[in-house]
Every structure is written in C-alpha cells, then in structure tokens.
Amino acid sequence: MRKKVVLACSNCNSRNYSTMKNAANLQERLEMKKFCKVCNTHTVHRETK
C-alpha cells in the first residue's frame, strides 16, 4: 500500500510537490532535491507531517 506525502522546501518551507511513498518506509522521512519556484533554485525538499 502506498501513501500520499507532501514535500516542502527546506529553505522557504513552501509546499511545492506531492508524491507517493511506499508504506514499508514510513519510519524515515523522504528527502529529494527538487526545483523550488519561490527560491528559483534546486533545493532539498523534505516530507511534511
């Protein structure tokens, strides 16, 4: 079963992306390097609660 998660920019905290996450990996938070429209750069985006 997969779970929908929201990714927020680590610099400006704007919630830019949503993705699906495998239910087996629920313990650790997802981190991806994505483009932030607000910062206008590639930054680390972390999973929010």
PDB file of N, CA and C in Angstrom:
ATOM      1  N   MET A   1       0.845  -1.177   0.000  1.00  0.00           N
ATOM      2  CA  MET A   1       0.000   0.000   0.000  1.00  0.00           C
ATOM      3  C   MET A   1       0.888   1.237   0.000  1.00  0.00           C
ATOM      4  N   ARG A   2       0.509   2.226  -0.806  1.00  0.00           N
ATOM      5  CA  ARG A   2       1.290   3.449  -0.929  1.00  0.00           C
ATOM      6  C   ARG A   2       0.566   4.596  -0.238  1.00  0.00           C
ATOM      7  N   LYS A   3       1.333   5.554   0.256  1.00  0.00           N
ATOM      8  CA  LYS A   3       0.782   6.676   0.996  1.00  0.00           C
ATOM      9  C   LYS A   3       1.162   7.976   0.300  1.00  0.00           C
ATOM     10  N   LYS A   4       0.233   8.904   0.198  1.00  0.00           N
ATOM     11  CA  LYS A   4       0.500  10.198  -0.417  1.00  0.00           C
ATOM     12  C   LYS A   4       1.178  11.113   0.599  1.00  0.00           C
ATOM     13  N   VAL A   5       2.289  11.750   0.200  1.00  0.00           N
ATOM     14  CA  VAL A   5       3.023  12.659   1.073  1.00  0.00           C
ATOM     15  C   VAL A   5       3.246  13.990   0.351  1.00  0.00           C
ATOM     16  N   VAL A   6       3.449  15.046   1.127  1.00  0.00           N
ATOM     17  CA  VAL A   6       3.692  16.383   0.589  1.00  0.00           C
ATOM     18  C   VAL A   6       5.134  16.757   0.887  1.00  0.00           C
ATOM     19  N   LEU A   7       5.820  17.345  -0.105  1.00  0.00           N
ATOM     20  CA  LEU A   7       7.208  17.754   0.053  1.00  0.00           C
ATOM     21  C   LEU A   7       7.278  19.274   0.168  1.00  0.00           C
ATOM     22  N   ALA A   8       8.054  19.760   1.153  1.00  0.00           N
ATOM     23  CA  ALA A   8       8.210  21.198   1.369  1.00  0.00           C
ATOM     24  C   ALA A   8       9.683  21.571   1.227  1.00  0.00           C
ATOM     25  N   CYS A   9       9.933  22.759   0.722  1.00  0.00           N
ATOM     26  CA  CYS A   9      11.288  23.262   0.544  1.00  0.00           C
ATOM     27  C   CYS A   9      11.945  23.476   1.905  1.00  0.00           C
ATOM     28  N   SER A  10      13.214  23.110   2.019  1.00  0.00           N
ATOM     29  CA  SER A  10      13.908  23.266   3.296  1.00  0.00           C
ATOM     30  C   SER A  10      14.303  24.718   3.555  1.00  0.00           C
ATOM     31  N   ASN A  11      14.399  25.548   2.501  1.00  0.00           N
ATOM     32  CA  ASN A  11      14.776  26.956   2.679  1.00  0.00           C
ATOM     33  C   ASN A  11      13.582  27.838   3.002  1.00  0.00           C
ATOM     34  N   CYS A  12      12.551  27.800   2.171  1.00  0.00           N
ATOM     35  CA  CYS A  12      11.420  28.727   2.326  1.00  0.00           C
ATOM     36  C   CYS A  12      10.168  28.062   2.898  1.00  0.00           C
ATOM     37  N   ASN A  13      10.178  26.743   3.085  1.00  0.00           N
ATOM     38  CA  ASN A  13       9.066  25.966   3.648  1.00  0.00           C
ATOM     39  C   ASN A  13       7.783  26.013   2.816  1.00  0.00           C
ATOM     40  N   SER A  14       7.873  26.357   1.545  1.00  0.00           N
ATOM     41  CA  SER A  14       6.683  26.312   0.697  1.00  0.00           C
ATOM     42  C   SER A  14       6.459  24.878   0.237  1.00  0.00           C
ATOM     43  N   ARG A  15       5.209  24.461   0.231  1.00  0.00           N
ATOM     44  CA  ARG A  15       4.852  23.090  -0.132  1.00  0.00           C
ATOM     45  C   ARG A  15       4.605  23.025  -1.632  1.00  0.00           C
ATOM     46  N   ASN A  16       5.599  22.504  -2.358  1.00  0.00           N
ATOM     47  CA  ASN A  16       5.591  22.554  -3.815  1.00  0.00           C
ATOM     48  C   ASN A  16       5.176  21.249  -4.482  1.00  0.00           C
ATOM     49  N   TYR A  17       5.488  20.122  -3.893  1.00  0.00           N
ATOM     50  CA  TYR A  17       5.309  18.831  -4.557  1.00  0.00           C
ATOM     51  C   TYR A  17       4.547  17.849  -3.681  1.00  0.00           C
ATOM     52  N   SER A  18       3.851  16.932  -4.339  1.00  0.00           N
ATOM     53  CA  SER A  18       3.262  15.790  -3.645  1.00  0.00           C
ATOM     54  C   SER A  18       3.660  14.539  -4.417  1.00  0.00           C
ATOM     55  N   THR A  19       3.854  13.443  -3.689  1.00  0.00           N
ATOM     56  CA  THR A  19       4.302  12.201  -4.299  1.00  0.00           C
ATOM     57  C   THR A  19       3.760  11.032  -3.495  1.00  0.00           C
ATOM     58  N   MET A  20       3.972   9.838  -3.997  1.00  0.00           N
ATOM     59  CA  MET A  20       3.546   8.634  -3.304  1.00  0.00           C
ATOM     60  C   MET A  20       4.760   7.986  -2.651  1.00  0.00           C
ATOM     61  N   LYS A  21       4.532   7.382  -1.484  1.00  0.00           N
ATOM     62  CA  LYS A  21       5.603   6.760  -0.721  1.00  0.00           C
ATOM     63  C   LYS A  21       5.194   5.347  -0.354  1.00  0.00           C
ATOM     64  N   ASN A  22       6.153   4.428  -0.427  1.00  0.00           N
ATOM     65  CA  ASN A  22       5.907   3.041  -0.083  1.00  0.00           C
ATOM     66  C   ASN A  22       5.610   2.921   1.412  1.00  0.00           C
ATOM     67  N   ALA A  23       4.616   2.151   1.798  1.00  0.00           N
ATOM     68  CA  ALA A  23       4.194   2.028   3.196  1.00  0.00           C
ATOM     69  C   ALA A  23       5.255   1.357   4.060  1.00  0.00           C
ATOM     70  N   ALA A  24       6.169   0.604   3.475  1.00  0.00           N
ATOM     71  CA  ALA A  24       7.214  -0.053   4.254  1.00  0.00           C
ATOM     72  C   ALA A  24       8.240   0.946   4.773  1.00  0.00           C
ATOM     73  N   ASN A  25       8.322   2.129   4.163  1.00  0.00           N
ATOM     74  CA  ASN A  25       9.318   3.143   4.544  1.00  0.00           C
ATOM     75  C   ASN A  25       8.711   4.267   5.380  1.00  0.00           C
ATOM     76  N   LEU A  26       7.748   3.964   6.215  1.00  0.00           N
ATOM     77  CA  LEU A  26       7.064   5.012   6.973  1.00  0.00           C
ATOM     78  C   LEU A  26       7.913   5.577   8.104  1.00  0.00           C
ATOM     79  N   GLN A  27       8.963   4.901   8.540  1.00  0.00           N
ATOM     80  CA  GLN A  27       9.752   5.356   9.681  1.00  0.00           C
ATOM     81  C   GLN A  27      10.564   6.605   9.340  1.00  0.00           C
ATOM     82  N   GLU A  28      11.276   6.607   8.230  1.00  0.00           N
ATOM     83  CA  GLU A  28      12.115   7.758   7.901  1.00  0.00           C
ATOM     84  C   GLU A  28      11.389   8.689   6.926  1.00  0.00           C
ATOM     85  N   ARG A  29      11.743   9.973   7.003  1.00  0.00           N
ATOM     86  CA  ARG A  29      11.120  10.966   6.131  1.00  0.00           C
ATOM     87  C   ARG A  29      11.830  11.012   4.785  1.00  0.00           C
ATOM     88  N   LEU A  30      11.061  11.256   3.755  1.00  0.00           N
ATOM     89  CA  LEU A  30      11.565  11.302   2.396  1.00  0.00           C
ATOM     90  C   LEU A  30      12.258  12.637   2.143  1.00  0.00           C
ATOM     91  N   GLU A  31      13.409  12.609   1.449  1.00  0.00           N
ATOM     92  CA  GLU A  31      14.121  13.824   1.048  1.00  0.00           C
ATOM     93  C   GLU A  31      14.494  13.696  -0.418  1.00  0.00           C
ATOM     94  N   MET A  32      14.202  14.745  -1.177  1.00  0.00           N
ATOM     95  CA  MET A  32      14.533  14.768  -2.603  1.00  0.00           C
ATOM     96  C   MET A  32      15.034  16.154  -2.965  1.00  0.00           C
ATOM     97  N   LYS A  33      15.928  16.231  -3.932  1.00  0.00           N
ATOM     98  CA  LYS A  33      16.384  17.511  -4.431  1.00  0.00           C
ATOM     99  C   LYS A  33      15.502  17.883  -5.620  1.00  0.00           C
ATOM    100  N   LYS A  34      14.723  18.964  -5.457  1.00  0.00           N
ATOM    101  CA  LYS A  34      13.764  19.391  -6.479  1.00  0.00           C
ATOM    102  C   LYS A  34      13.902  20.883  -6.712  1.00  0.00           C
ATOM    103  N   PHE A  35      13.282  21.377  -7.789  1.00  0.00           N
ATOM    104  CA  PHE A  35      13.294  22.804  -8.101  1.00  0.00           C
ATOM    105  C   PHE A  35      12.200  23.511  -7.319  1.00  0.00           C
ATOM    106  N   CYS A  36      12.560  24.597  -6.635  1.00  0.00           N
ATOM    107  CA  CYS A  36      11.594  25.406  -5.897  1.00  0.00           C
ATOM    108  C   CYS A  36      11.299  26.665  -6.704  1.00  0.00           C
ATOM    109  N   LYS A  37      10.010  26.910  -6.986  1.00  0.00           N
ATOM    110  CA  LYS A  37       9.614  28.086  -7.759  1.00  0.00           C
ATOM    111  C   LYS A  37       9.830  29.380  -6.982  1.00  0.00           C
ATOM    112  N   VAL A  38       9.697  29.313  -5.660  1.00  0.00           N
ATOM    113  CA  VAL A  38       9.832  30.507  -4.830  1.00  0.00           C
ATOM    114  C   VAL A  38      11.300  30.919  -4.711  1.00  0.00           C
ATOM    115  N   CYS A  39      12.176  29.951  -4.435  1.00  0.00           N
ATOM    116  CA  CYS A  39      13.616  30.214  -4.301  1.00  0.00           C
ATOM    117  C   CYS A  39      14.307  30.358  -5.658  1.00  0.00           C
ATOM    118  N   ASN A  40      13.711  29.796  -6.684  1.00  0.00           N
ATOM    119  CA  ASN A  40      14.238  29.795  -8.053  1.00  0.00           C
ATOM    120  C   ASN A  40      15.574  29.040  -8.152  1.00  0.00           C
ATOM    121  N   THR A  41      15.739  27.992  -7.322  1.00  0.00           N
ATOM    122  CA  THR A  41      16.927  27.146  -7.347  1.00  0.00           C
ATOM    123  C   THR A  41      16.524  25.714  -7.022  1.00  0.00           C
ATOM    124  N   HIS A  42      17.463  24.792  -7.198  1.00  0.00           N
ATOM    125  CA  HIS A  42      17.260  23.413  -6.785  1.00  0.00           C
ATOM    126  C   HIS A  42      17.634  23.307  -5.312  1.00  0.00           C
ATOM    127  N   THR A  43      16.694  22.874  -4.478  1.00  0.00           N
ATOM    128  CA  THR A  43      16.913  22.742  -3.044  1.00  0.00           C
ATOM    129  C   THR A  43      16.410  21.382  -2.568  1.00  0.00           C
ATOM    130  N   VAL A  44      16.761  21.020  -1.350  1.00  0.00           N
ATOM    131  CA  VAL A  44      16.296  19.784  -0.749  1.00  0.00           C
ATOM    132  C   VAL A  44      14.861  19.989  -0.283  1.00  0.00           C
ATOM    133  N   HIS A  45      13.983  19.084  -0.692  1.00  0.00           N
ATOM    134  CA  HIS A  45      12.585  19.108  -0.262  1.00  0.00           C
ATOM    135  C   HIS A  45      12.351  17.917   0.659  1.00  0.00           C
ATOM    136  N   ARG A  46      11.772  18.181   1.832  1.00  0.00           N
ATOM    137  CA  ARG A  46      11.531  17.133   2.823  1.00  0.00           C
ATOM    138  C   ARG A  46      10.051  16.879   2.992  1.00  0.00           C
ATOM    139  N   GLU A  47       9.745  15.666   3.400  1.00  0.00           N
ATOM    140  CA  GLU A  47       8.365  15.273   3.655  1.00  0.00           C
ATOM    141  C   GLU A  47       7.823  16.016   4.882  1.00  0.00           C
ATOM    142  N   THR A  48       6.592  16.526   4.778  1.00  0.00           N
ATOM    143  CA  THR A  48       5.967  17.219   5.897  1.00  0.00           C
ATOM    144  C   THR A  48       4.996  16.280   6.593  1.00  0.00           C
ATOM    145  N   LYS A  49       4.552  16.666   7.761  1.00  0.00           N
ATOM    146  CA  LYS A  49       3.588  15.859   8.502  1.00  0.00           C
ATOM    147  C   LYS A  49       2.207  16.055   7.942  1.00  0.00           C
TER     148      LYS A  49
END
